[in-house]
Amino acid sequence: MNTESKIGVIGIVVEKEASVDVLNETLHKYREYIIGRMGIPYREKKINIISIAMDAPEDVISSLSDKIGNLPGIQSKTVYSGEN
């Protein structure tokens, strides 16, 4: 397990509102690693765009992103600091 802290950003697109409660519960479990969160409702497209900034070991960030991406109607993509 890699315990070196990294800065990462998870970009999330929510297409199904029914998954929002589970998404919020999941994010709450990782709150100690979350630096900030920004949500943008894109009403014209009926989606929500969320950005999560984290400071955590890479495996923790990856685990959260995987859990989010496996929720129905939600897509996620992760970018780490220092990547080319």
Foldseek 3Di string as FASTA:
>chain_A
DFWQKWKKKKKKKAQDPVCVVVLVVLCVVVVVFWPDKDKDQPVVNNMIIMMTIGITGPVVVVVSQVVQCPGPRMHMDMDIPPDD
